[in-house]
Amino acid sequence: MIKDEDTLSREIIGDSIEVHSHLGPGLLESVCEAQLLTYLKSSALKLGILINFNVPLLKKGTKRIVYGL
């Protein structure tokens, strides 16, 4: 069963909070954003979630990126 984008993105953000609490910060945001846009362009997907783990509160480092709407 395929979940709608909103439900799926909520699950991804929840899992990301779990990862952030264990591993901490990751790569530079600009590198990740460029890679996410490239992936969205080459796939049939329209929604991507960019997560900056280098922030104290993960919700301040999370943004949804929509391509092709």
PDB file of N, CA and C in Angstrom:
ATOM      1  N   MET A   1       0.834  -1.178   0.000  1.00  0.00           N
ATOM      2  CA  MET A   1       0.000   0.000   0.000  1.00  0.00           C
ATOM      3  C   MET A   1       0.882   1.246   0.000  1.00  0.00           C
ATOM      4  N   ILE A   2       0.619   2.163  -0.904  1.00  0.00           N
ATOM      5  CA  ILE A   2       1.388   3.401  -0.996  1.00  0.00           C
ATOM      6  C   ILE A   2       0.749   4.451  -0.103  1.00  0.00           C
ATOM      7  N   LYS A   3       1.553   5.050   0.732  1.00  0.00           N
ATOM      8  CA  LYS A   3       1.062   6.090   1.632  1.00  0.00           C
ATOM      9  C   LYS A   3       1.088   7.436   0.924  1.00  0.00           C
ATOM     10  N   ASP A   4       0.199   8.337   1.351  1.00  0.00           N
ATOM     11  CA  ASP A   4       0.227   9.670   0.760  1.00  0.00           C
ATOM     12  C   ASP A   4       1.467  10.421   1.252  1.00  0.00           C
ATOM     13  N   GLU A   5       1.843  11.469   0.524  1.00  0.00           N
ATOM     14  CA  GLU A   5       3.078  12.194   0.821  1.00  0.00           C
ATOM     15  C   GLU A   5       3.105  12.768   2.233  1.00  0.00           C
ATOM     16  N   ASP A   6       1.963  13.272   2.715  1.00  0.00           N
ATOM     17  CA  ASP A   6       1.930  13.885   4.037  1.00  0.00           C
ATOM     18  C   ASP A   6       2.209  12.857   5.133  1.00  0.00           C
ATOM     19  N   THR A   7       1.562  11.703   5.051  1.00  0.00           N
ATOM     20  CA  THR A   7       1.779  10.646   6.040  1.00  0.00           C
ATOM     21  C   THR A   7       3.221  10.157   5.996  1.00  0.00           C
ATOM     22  N   LEU A   8       3.717   9.937   4.801  1.00  0.00           N
ATOM     23  CA  LEU A   8       5.085   9.458   4.647  1.00  0.00           C
ATOM     24  C   LEU A   8       6.095  10.476   5.167  1.00  0.00           C
ATOM     25  N   SER A   9       5.881  11.759   4.865  1.00  0.00           N
ATOM     26  CA  SER A   9       6.832  12.772   5.325  1.00  0.00           C
ATOM     27  C   SER A   9       6.822  12.888   6.845  1.00  0.00           C
ATOM     28  N   ARG A  10       5.663  12.716   7.479  1.00  0.00           N
ATOM     29  CA  ARG A  10       5.608  12.733   8.949  1.00  0.00           C
ATOM     30  C   ARG A  10       6.423  11.584   9.540  1.00  0.00           C
ATOM     31  N   GLU A  11       6.319  10.410   8.937  1.00  0.00           N
ATOM     32  CA  GLU A  11       7.091   9.263   9.410  1.00  0.00           C
ATOM     33  C   GLU A  11       8.590   9.497   9.231  1.00  0.00           C
ATOM     34  N   ILE A  12       8.970  10.073   8.098  1.00  0.00           N
ATOM     35  CA  ILE A  12      10.385  10.345   7.837  1.00  0.00           C
ATOM     36  C   ILE A  12      10.932  11.343   8.848  1.00  0.00           C
ATOM     37  N   ILE A  13      10.176  12.395   9.123  1.00  0.00           N
ATOM     38  CA  ILE A  13      10.630  13.394  10.090  1.00  0.00           C
ATOM     39  C   ILE A  13      10.755  12.775  11.478  1.00  0.00           C
ATOM     40  N   GLY A  14       9.809  11.941  11.862  1.00  0.00           N
ATOM     41  CA  GLY A  14       9.894  11.255  13.154  1.00  0.00           C
ATOM     42  C   GLY A  14      11.126  10.375  13.252  1.00  0.00           C
ATOM     43  N   ASP A  15      11.401   9.620  12.195  1.00  0.00           N
ATOM     44  CA  ASP A  15      12.598   8.777  12.180  1.00  0.00           C
ATOM     45  C   ASP A  15      13.874   9.619  12.193  1.00  0.00           C
ATOM     46  N   SER A  16      13.829  10.775  11.540  1.00  0.00           N
ATOM     47  CA  SER A  16      14.989  11.665  11.508  1.00  0.00           C
ATOM     48  C   SER A  16      15.316  12.209  12.889  1.00  0.00           C
ATOM     49  N   ILE A  17      14.292  12.506  13.655  1.00  0.00           N
ATOM     50  CA  ILE A  17      14.512  12.964  15.031  1.00  0.00           C
ATOM     51  C   ILE A  17      15.227  11.879  15.828  1.00  0.00           C
ATOM     52  N   GLU A  18      14.839  10.639  15.606  1.00  0.00           N
ATOM     53  CA  GLU A  18      15.490   9.508  16.273  1.00  0.00           C
ATOM     54  C   GLU A  18      16.970   9.415  15.878  1.00  0.00           C
ATOM     55  N   VAL A  19      17.259   9.530  14.577  1.00  0.00           N
ATOM     56  CA  VAL A  19      18.647   9.487  14.099  1.00  0.00           C
ATOM     57  C   VAL A  19      19.447  10.643  14.683  1.00  0.00           C
ATOM     58  N   HIS A  20      18.872  11.847  14.655  1.00  0.00           N
ATOM     59  CA  HIS A  20      19.558  13.036  15.168  1.00  0.00           C
ATOM     60  C   HIS A  20      19.921  12.872  16.640  1.00  0.00           C
ATOM     61  N   SER A  21      19.041  12.269  17.414  1.00  0.00           N
ATOM     62  CA  SER A  21      19.309  12.117  18.844  1.00  0.00           C
ATOM     63  C   SER A  21      20.467  11.155  19.107  1.00  0.00           C
ATOM     64  N   HIS A  22      20.727  10.241  18.169  1.00  0.00           N
ATOM     65  CA  HIS A  22      21.814   9.270  18.356  1.00  0.00           C
ATOM     66  C   HIS A  22      23.115   9.668  17.660  1.00  0.00           C
ATOM     67  N   LEU A  23      23.021  10.258  16.461  1.00  0.00           N
ATOM     68  CA  LEU A  23      24.222  10.501  15.655  1.00  0.00           C
ATOM     69  C   LEU A  23      24.675  11.948  15.584  1.00  0.00           C
ATOM     70  N   GLY A  24      23.765  12.894  15.752  1.00  0.00           N
ATOM     71  CA  GLY A  24      24.142  14.303  15.682  1.00  0.00           C
ATOM     72  C   GLY A  24      24.226  14.819  14.257  1.00  0.00           C
ATOM     73  N   PRO A  25      25.021  15.883  14.027  1.00  0.00           N
ATOM     74  CA  PRO A  25      25.044  16.588  12.745  1.00  0.00           C
ATOM     75  C   PRO A  25      25.627  15.764  11.594  1.00  0.00           C
ATOM     76  N   GLY A  26      25.278  16.224  10.361  1.00  0.00           N
ATOM     77  CA  GLY A  26      25.734  15.538   9.149  1.00  0.00           C
ATOM     78  C   GLY A  26      26.459  16.470   8.200  1.00  0.00           C
ATOM     79  N   LEU A  27      26.195  16.361   6.892  1.00  0.00           N
ATOM     80  CA  LEU A  27      26.875  17.135   5.854  1.00  0.00           C
ATOM     81  C   LEU A  27      26.336  18.557   5.748  1.00  0.00           C
ATOM     82  N   LEU A  28      27.012  19.378   4.940  1.00  0.00           N
ATOM     83  CA  LEU A  28      26.558  20.744   4.696  1.00  0.00           C
ATOM     84  C   LEU A  28      25.203  20.740   3.996  1.00  0.00           C
ATOM     85  N   GLU A  29      24.344  21.675   4.370  1.00  0.00           N
ATOM     86  CA  GLU A  29      22.993  21.731   3.815  1.00  0.00           C
ATOM     87  C   GLU A  29      22.999  21.959   2.309  1.00  0.00           C
ATOM     88  N   SER A  30      23.882  22.814   1.805  1.00  0.00           N
ATOM     89  CA  SER A  30      23.899  23.113   0.370  1.00  0.00           C
ATOM     90  C   SER A  30      24.208  21.869  -0.466  1.00  0.00           C
ATOM     91  N   VAL A  31      25.090  21.019   0.019  1.00  0.00           N
ATOM     92  CA  VAL A  31      25.429  19.780  -0.686  1.00  0.00           C
ATOM     93  C   VAL A  31      24.217  18.854  -0.712  1.00  0.00           C
ATOM     94  N   CYS A  32      23.571  18.733   0.424  1.00  0.00           N
ATOM     95  CA  CYS A  32      22.403  17.849   0.514  1.00  0.00           C
ATOM     96  C   CYS A  32      21.237  18.364  -0.322  1.00  0.00           C
ATOM     97  N   GLU A  33      21.023  19.676  -0.338  1.00  0.00           N
ATOM     98  CA  GLU A  33      19.921  20.244  -1.118  1.00  0.00           C
ATOM     99  C   GLU A  33      20.141  20.023  -2.612  1.00  0.00           C
ATOM    100  N   ALA A  34      21.356  20.215  -3.074  1.00  0.00           N
ATOM    101  CA  ALA A  34      21.663  19.985  -4.488  1.00  0.00           C
ATOM    102  C   ALA A  34      21.441  18.519  -4.857  1.00  0.00           C
ATOM    103  N   GLN A  35      21.860  17.617  -4.000  1.00  0.00           N
ATOM    104  CA  GLN A  35      21.676  16.188  -4.264  1.00  0.00           C
ATOM    105  C   GLN A  35      20.196  15.815  -4.264  1.00  0.00           C
ATOM    106  N   LEU A  36      19.436  16.369  -3.327  1.00  0.00           N
ATOM    107  CA  LEU A  36      18.005  16.084  -3.264  1.00  0.00           C
ATOM    108  C   LEU A  36      17.288  16.560  -4.527  1.00  0.00           C
ATOM    109  N   LEU A  37      17.603  17.761  -4.988  1.00  0.00           N
ATOM    110  CA  LEU A  37      16.984  18.275  -6.213  1.00  0.00           C
ATOM    111  C   LEU A  37      17.348  17.422  -7.427  1.00  0.00           C
ATOM    112  N   THR A  38      18.597  16.987  -7.506  1.00  0.00           N
ATOM    113  CA  THR A  38      19.020  16.111  -8.597  1.00  0.00           C
ATOM    114  C   THR A  38      18.241  14.803  -8.569  1.00  0.00           C
ATOM    115  N   TYR A  39      18.081  14.248  -7.391  1.00  0.00           N
ATOM    116  CA  TYR A  39      17.334  12.994  -7.250  1.00  0.00           C
ATOM    117  C   TYR A  39      15.872  13.178  -7.645  1.00  0.00           C
ATOM    118  N   LEU A  40      15.246  14.254  -7.196  1.00  0.00           N
ATOM    119  CA  LEU A  40      13.843  14.499  -7.528  1.00  0.00           C
ATOM    120  C   LEU A  40      13.662  14.699  -9.033  1.00  0.00           C
ATOM    121  N   LYS A  41      14.601  15.396  -9.667  1.00  0.00           N
ATOM    122  CA  LYS A  41      14.524  15.620 -11.115  1.00  0.00           C
ATOM    123  C   LYS A  41      14.611  14.306 -11.890  1.00  0.00           C
ATOM    124  N   SER A  42      15.415  13.372 -11.401  1.00  0.00           N
ATOM    125  CA  SER A  42      15.638  12.128 -12.136  1.00  0.00           C
ATOM    126  C   SER A  42      14.657  11.014 -11.765  1.00  0.00           C
ATOM    127  N   SER A  43      13.767  11.283 -10.841  1.00  0.00           N
ATOM    128  CA  SER A  43      12.789  10.275 -10.433  1.00  0.00           C
ATOM    129  C   SER A  43      11.376  10.799 -10.668  1.00  0.00           C
ATOM    130  N   ALA A  44      10.418   9.976 -10.406  1.00  0.00           N
ATOM    131  CA  ALA A  44       9.017  10.383 -10.536  1.00  0.00           C
ATOM    132  C   ALA A  44       8.505  11.026  -9.253  1.00  0.00           C
ATOM    133  N   LEU A  45       9.373  11.213  -8.290  1.00  0.00           N
ATOM    134  CA  LEU A  45       8.960  11.769  -6.999  1.00  0.00           C
ATOM    135  C   LEU A  45       8.913  13.285  -7.051  1.00  0.00           C
ATOM    136  N   LYS A  46       8.009  13.863  -6.292  1.00  0.00           N
ATOM    137  CA  LYS A  46       7.857  15.313  -6.265  1.00  0.00           C
ATOM    138  C   LYS A  46       8.235  15.919  -4.920  1.00  0.00           C
ATOM    139  N   LEU A  47       8.217  15.121  -3.866  1.00  0.00           N
ATOM    140  CA  LEU A  47       8.465  15.631  -2.518  1.00  0.00           C
ATOM    141  C   LEU A  47       9.757  15.067  -1.955  1.00  0.00           C
ATOM    142  N   GLY A  48      10.591  15.951  -1.432  1.00  0.00           N
ATOM    143  CA  GLY A  48      11.795  15.554  -0.726  1.00  0.00           C
ATOM    144  C   GLY A  48      11.848  16.292   0.594  1.00  0.00           C
ATOM    145  N   ILE A  49      12.506  15.713   1.560  1.00  0.00           N
ATOM    146  CA  ILE A  49      12.648  16.356   2.861  1.00  0.00           C
ATOM    147  C   ILE A  49      14.132  16.557   3.123  1.00  0.00           C
ATOM    148  N   LEU A  50      14.517  17.806   3.315  1.00  0.00           N
ATOM    149  CA  LEU A  50      15.903  18.150   3.608  1.00  0.00           C
ATOM    150  C   LEU A  50      16.015  18.363   5.109  1.00  0.00           C
ATOM    151  N   ILE A  51      16.913  17.626   5.736  1.00  0.00           N
ATOM    152  CA  ILE A  51      17.052  17.690   7.187  1.00  0.00           C
ATOM    153  C   ILE A  51      18.471  18.105   7.539  1.00  0.00           C
ATOM    154  N   ASN A  52      18.582  19.230   8.233  1.00  0.00           N
ATOM    155  CA  ASN A  52      19.864  19.714   8.729  1.00  0.00           C
ATOM    156  C   ASN A  52      20.018  19.209  10.163  1.00  0.00           C
ATOM    157  N   PHE A  53      20.888  18.249  10.359  1.00  0.00           N
ATOM    158  CA  PHE A  53      21.092  17.672  11.681  1.00  0.00           C
ATOM    159  C   PHE A  53      21.976  18.541  12.569  1.00  0.00           C
ATOM    160  N   ASN A  54      22.541  19.604  12.009  1.00  0.00           N
ATOM    161  CA  ASN A  54      23.464  20.452  12.766  1.00  0.00           C
ATOM    162  C   ASN A  54      22.729  21.614  13.438  1.00  0.00           C
ATOM    163  N   VAL A  55      21.610  21.322  14.057  1.00  0.00           N
ATOM    164  CA  VAL A  55      20.829  22.304  14.807  1.00  0.00           C
ATOM    165  C   VAL A  55      20.419  21.666  16.129  1.00  0.00           C
ATOM    166  N   PRO A  56      20.271  22.483  17.178  1.00  0.00           N
ATOM    167  CA  PRO A  56      19.886  21.914  18.465  1.00  0.00           C
ATOM    168  C   PRO A  56      18.474  21.310  18.451  1.00  0.00           C
ATOM    169  N   LEU A  57      17.550  21.960  17.741  1.00  0.00           N
ATOM    170  CA  LEU A  57      16.170  21.491  17.658  1.00  0.00           C
ATOM    171  C   LEU A  57      15.886  21.111  16.208  1.00  0.00           C
ATOM    172  N   LEU A  58      15.661  19.843  15.953  1.00  0.00           N
ATOM    173  CA  LEU A  58      15.578  19.335  14.586  1.00  0.00           C
ATOM    174  C   LEU A  58      14.470  19.979  13.764  1.00  0.00           C
ATOM    175  N   LYS A  59      13.368  20.387  14.377  1.00  0.00           N
ATOM    176  CA  LYS A  59      12.288  20.985  13.582  1.00  0.00           C
ATOM    177  C   LYS A  59      12.710  22.303  12.943  1.00  0.00           C
ATOM    178  N   LYS A  60      13.723  22.967  13.485  1.00  0.00           N
ATOM    179  CA  LYS A  60      14.227  24.197  12.878  1.00  0.00           C
ATOM    180  C   LYS A  60      15.132  23.903  11.681  1.00  0.00           C
ATOM    181  N   GLY A  61      15.571  22.677  11.539  1.00  0.00           N
ATOM    182  CA  GLY A  61      16.446  22.304  10.436  1.00  0.00           C
ATOM    183  C   GLY A  61      15.775  21.420   9.398  1.00  0.00           C
ATOM    184  N   THR A  62      14.451  21.332   9.431  1.00  0.00           N
ATOM    185  CA  THR A  62      13.722  20.456   8.519  1.00  0.00           C
ATOM    186  C   THR A  62      12.897  21.272   7.539  1.00  0.00           C
ATOM    187  N   LYS A  63      13.052  20.974   6.243  1.00  0.00           N
ATOM    188  CA  LYS A  63      12.185  21.633   5.268  1.00  0.00           C
ATOM    189  C   LYS A  63      11.828  20.673   4.147  1.00  0.00           C
ATOM    190  N   ARG A  64      10.604  20.827   3.678  1.00  0.00           N
ATOM    191  CA  ARG A  64      10.118  20.022   2.561  1.00  0.00           C
ATOM    192  C   ARG A  64      10.457  20.746   1.263  1.00  0.00           C
ATOM    193  N   ILE A  65      10.923  19.989   0.295  1.00  0.00           N
ATOM    194  CA  ILE A  65      11.228  20.552  -1.014  1.00  0.00           C
ATOM    195  C   ILE A  65      10.355  19.833  -2.032  1.00  0.00           C
ATOM    196  N   VAL A  66       9.580  20.618  -2.772  1.00  0.00           N
ATOM    197  CA  VAL A  66       8.684  20.072  -3.781  1.00  0.00           C
ATOM    198  C   VAL A  66       9.235  20.447  -5.150  1.00  0.00           C
ATOM    199  N   TYR A  67       9.307  19.467  -6.039  1.00  0.00           N
ATOM    200  CA  TYR A  67       9.829  19.701  -7.384  1.00  0.00           C
ATOM    201  C   TYR A  67       8.768  19.335  -8.414  1.00  0.00           C
ATOM    202  N   GLY A  68       8.574  20.198  -9.379  1.00  0.00           N
ATOM    203  CA  GLY A  68       7.732  19.882 -10.519  1.00  0.00           C
ATOM    204  C   GLY A  68       6.236  20.042 -10.335  1.00  0.00           C
ATOM    205  N   LEU A  69       5.799  20.815  -9.374  1.00  0.00           N
ATOM    206  CA  LEU A  69       4.352  21.048  -9.235  1.00  0.00           C
ATOM    207  C   LEU A  69       3.964  22.362  -9.839  1.00  0.00           C
TER     208      LEU A  69
END
